[in-house]
Amino acid sequence: MSSKRLICEQDVLDMGADEVLYLDAFTIITPSALDAAFRRGIPVQREGEQRARKSNSTKKPCLWHRILETDGTYVVQVVNGRAQVNRLTESGPVAFGTDSAEEHNR
């Protein structure tokens, strides 16, 4: 995503499903944009936050390993066999990732 100073809900809705929303210290994101990112499972990465270690494989990093590698407080919601993980930040909940048993075993 570009280095806009204000991210609104439509900006998040226009993002690809596999993108990550990177925010620097000068970027403002609206609550509706954070909600949209959560609903769409788009991770929000704030400047200065610890990032999960990069993997050399093409396989998608395991959500549970990413959680263990990134300190924080998380909320996990499971609906119909699909887990939605939200990381709690000072600015509110931020979508961290999703997983299901089918995807996890790939």
C-alpha atoms as a PDB file:
ATOM      1  CA  MET A   1       0.000   0.000   0.000  1.00  0.00           C
ATOM      2  CA  SER A   2       1.226   3.512  -0.765  1.00  0.00           C
ATOM      3  CA  SER A   3       2.554   5.875   1.864  1.00  0.00           C
ATOM      4  CA  LYS A   4      -0.682   7.837   2.286  1.00  0.00           C
ATOM      5  CA  ARG A   5      -1.034   9.895   5.443  1.00  0.00           C
ATOM      6  CA  LEU A   6      -4.717   8.944   5.970  1.00  0.00           C
ATOM      7  CA  ILE A   7      -6.065   5.444   5.362  1.00  0.00           C
ATOM      8  CA  CYS A   8      -9.845   5.141   5.113  1.00  0.00           C
ATOM      9  CA  GLU A   9     -12.156   2.162   4.718  1.00  0.00           C
ATOM     10  CA  GLN A  10     -12.259   2.402   0.916  1.00  0.00           C
ATOM     11  CA  ASP A  11      -8.455   2.240   0.765  1.00  0.00           C
ATOM     12  CA  VAL A  12      -8.568  -1.096   2.593  1.00  0.00           C
ATOM     13  CA  LEU A  13     -11.439  -2.381   0.452  1.00  0.00           C
ATOM     14  CA  ASP A  14      -9.355  -1.586  -2.649  1.00  0.00           C
ATOM     15  CA  MET A  15      -6.406  -3.673  -1.400  1.00  0.00           C
ATOM     16  CA  GLY A  16      -5.644  -7.162  -2.667  1.00  0.00           C
ATOM     17  CA  ALA A  17      -6.452 -10.040  -0.322  1.00  0.00           C
ATOM     18  CA  ASP A  18      -2.779 -10.982   0.059  1.00  0.00           C
ATOM     19  CA  GLU A  19      -1.484  -7.478   0.796  1.00  0.00           C
ATOM     20  CA  VAL A  20      -0.238  -6.163   4.132  1.00  0.00           C
ATOM     21  CA  LEU A  21      -1.165  -2.676   5.323  1.00  0.00           C
ATOM     22  CA  TYR A  22       2.036  -0.954   6.486  1.00  0.00           C
ATOM     23  CA  LEU A  23       1.637   2.143   8.679  1.00  0.00           C
ATOM     24  CA  ASP A  24       4.397   4.560   9.636  1.00  0.00           C
ATOM     25  CA  ALA A  25       4.322   6.884  12.639  1.00  0.00           C
ATOM     26  CA  PHE A  26       2.768   9.691  10.582  1.00  0.00           C
ATOM     27  CA  THR A  27      -0.101   7.707   9.048  1.00  0.00           C
ATOM     28  CA  ILE A  28      -3.602   7.903  10.486  1.00  0.00           C
ATOM     29  CA  ILE A  29      -6.007   5.022   9.945  1.00  0.00           C
ATOM     30  CA  THR A  30      -9.731   5.396  10.557  1.00  0.00           C
ATOM     31  CA  PRO A  31     -11.561   2.948  12.819  1.00  0.00           C
ATOM     32  CA  SER A  32     -13.681   1.819   9.860  1.00  0.00           C
ATOM     33  CA  ALA A  33     -10.478   1.057   7.922  1.00  0.00           C
ATOM     34  CA  LEU A  34      -9.196  -1.080  10.813  1.00  0.00           C
ATOM     35  CA  ASP A  35     -12.556  -2.869  10.912  1.00  0.00           C
ATOM     36  CA  ALA A  36     -12.386  -3.496   7.152  1.00  0.00           C
ATOM     37  CA  ALA A  37      -8.854  -4.882   7.479  1.00  0.00           C
ATOM     38  CA  PHE A  38     -10.051  -7.202  10.263  1.00  0.00           C
ATOM     39  CA  ARG A  39     -13.063  -8.408   8.237  1.00  0.00           C
ATOM     40  CA  ARG A  40     -10.889  -9.052   5.166  1.00  0.00           C
ATOM     41  CA  GLY A  41      -8.043 -10.675   7.136  1.00  0.00           C
ATOM     42  CA  ILE A  42      -5.529  -8.056   5.980  1.00  0.00           C
ATOM     43  CA  PRO A  43      -2.622  -7.789   8.443  1.00  0.00           C
ATOM     44  CA  VAL A  44      -1.751  -4.306   9.701  1.00  0.00           C
ATOM     45  CA  GLN A  45       1.958  -3.751  10.354  1.00  0.00           C
ATOM     46  CA  ARG A  46       2.855  -0.639  12.313  1.00  0.00           C
ATOM     47  CA  GLU A  47       6.316   0.869  12.061  1.00  0.00           C
ATOM     48  CA  GLY A  48       8.583  -0.378  14.822  1.00  0.00           C
ATOM     49  CA  GLU A  49       6.541  -3.479  15.658  1.00  0.00           C
ATOM     50  CA  GLN A  50       8.415  -6.737  15.773  1.00  0.00           C
ATOM     51  CA  ARG A  51       7.879  -8.718  12.575  1.00  0.00           C
ATOM     52  CA  ALA A  52       7.713 -12.475  12.292  1.00  0.00           C
ATOM     53  CA  ARG A  53      10.872 -14.066  10.912  1.00  0.00           C
ATOM     54  CA  LYS A  54      10.886 -14.481   7.146  1.00  0.00           C
ATOM     55  CA  SER A  55      10.783 -17.983   5.769  1.00  0.00           C
ATOM     56  CA  ASN A  56      12.785 -19.083   2.744  1.00  0.00           C
ATOM     57  CA  SER A  57      10.004 -21.402   1.589  1.00  0.00           C
ATOM     58  CA  THR A  58       7.088 -20.400  -0.603  1.00  0.00           C
ATOM     59  CA  LYS A  59       4.671 -21.901   1.905  1.00  0.00           C
ATOM     60  CA  LYS A  60       2.556 -19.355   3.775  1.00  0.00           C
ATOM     61  CA  PRO A  61       3.989 -18.853   7.301  1.00  0.00           C
ATOM     62  CA  CYS A  62       2.045 -20.681   9.985  1.00  0.00           C
ATOM     63  CA  LEU A  63      -0.246 -18.257  11.816  1.00  0.00           C
ATOM     64  CA  TRP A  64       0.424 -19.920  15.159  1.00  0.00           C
ATOM     65  CA  HIS A  65       4.193 -19.668  14.722  1.00  0.00           C
ATOM     66  CA  ARG A  66       3.812 -15.999  13.752  1.00  0.00           C
ATOM     67  CA  ILE A  67       1.897 -15.440  17.000  1.00  0.00           C
ATOM     68  CA  LEU A  68       4.614 -17.150  19.045  1.00  0.00           C
ATOM     69  CA  GLU A  69       7.298 -15.029  17.340  1.00  0.00           C
ATOM     70  CA  THR A  70       5.481 -11.706  17.868  1.00  0.00           C
ATOM     71  CA  ASP A  71       4.924 -10.565  21.457  1.00  0.00           C
ATOM     72  CA  GLY A  72       1.494  -9.139  22.133  1.00  0.00           C
ATOM     73  CA  THR A  73      -2.029  -9.759  23.314  1.00  0.00           C
ATOM     74  CA  TYR A  74      -4.308 -11.590  20.899  1.00  0.00           C
ATOM     75  CA  VAL A  75      -7.994 -12.387  20.556  1.00  0.00           C
ATOM     76  CA  VAL A  76      -8.919 -15.548  18.656  1.00  0.00           C
ATOM     77  CA  GLN A  77     -12.432 -16.044  17.298  1.00  0.00           C
ATOM     78  CA  VAL A  78     -13.380 -19.393  15.731  1.00  0.00           C
ATOM     79  CA  VAL A  79     -16.445 -19.615  13.485  1.00  0.00           C
ATOM     80  CA  ASN A  80     -17.255 -22.642  11.323  1.00  0.00           C
ATOM     81  CA  GLY A  81     -13.774 -24.088  11.768  1.00  0.00           C
ATOM     82  CA  ARG A  82     -11.976 -20.893  10.766  1.00  0.00           C
ATOM     83  CA  ALA A  83      -9.858 -18.916  13.261  1.00  0.00           C
ATOM     84  CA  GLN A  84      -9.623 -15.130  12.990  1.00  0.00           C
ATOM     85  CA  VAL A  85      -6.793 -13.671  15.084  1.00  0.00           C
ATOM     86  CA  ASN A  86      -6.738 -10.054  16.173  1.00  0.00           C
ATOM     87  CA  ARG A  87      -3.762  -8.407  17.875  1.00  0.00           C
ATOM     88  CA  LEU A  88      -4.683  -5.842  20.533  1.00  0.00           C
ATOM     89  CA  THR A  89      -2.749  -2.560  20.223  1.00  0.00           C
ATOM     90  CA  GLU A  90      -2.955   0.860  21.832  1.00  0.00           C
ATOM     91  CA  SER A  91      -5.023   1.967  18.823  1.00  0.00           C
ATOM     92  CA  GLY A  92      -7.418  -0.945  19.110  1.00  0.00           C
ATOM     93  CA  PRO A  93      -7.638  -4.409  17.568  1.00  0.00           C
ATOM     94  CA  VAL A  94      -5.617  -5.070  14.403  1.00  0.00           C
ATOM     95  CA  ALA A  95      -6.221  -8.045  12.119  1.00  0.00           C
ATOM     96  CA  PHE A  96      -3.278 -10.438  12.440  1.00  0.00           C
ATOM     97  CA  GLY A  97      -4.345 -13.402  10.333  1.00  0.00           C
ATOM     98  CA  THR A  98      -6.710 -16.281   9.691  1.00  0.00           C
ATOM     99  CA  ASP A  99      -6.309 -20.052   9.621  1.00  0.00           C
ATOM    100  CA  SER A 100      -8.352 -23.222   9.354  1.00  0.00           C
ATOM    101  CA  ALA A 101      -7.484 -26.885   9.832  1.00  0.00           C
ATOM    102  CA  GLU A 102      -7.588 -27.400   6.056  1.00  0.00           C
ATOM    103  CA  GLU A 103      -5.213 -24.508   5.352  1.00  0.00           C
ATOM    104  CA  HIS A 104      -2.970 -25.261   8.323  1.00  0.00           C
ATOM    105  CA  ASN A 105      -2.101 -28.748   7.110  1.00  0.00           C
ATOM    106  CA  ARG A 106      -1.055 -27.604   3.617  1.00  0.00           C
END
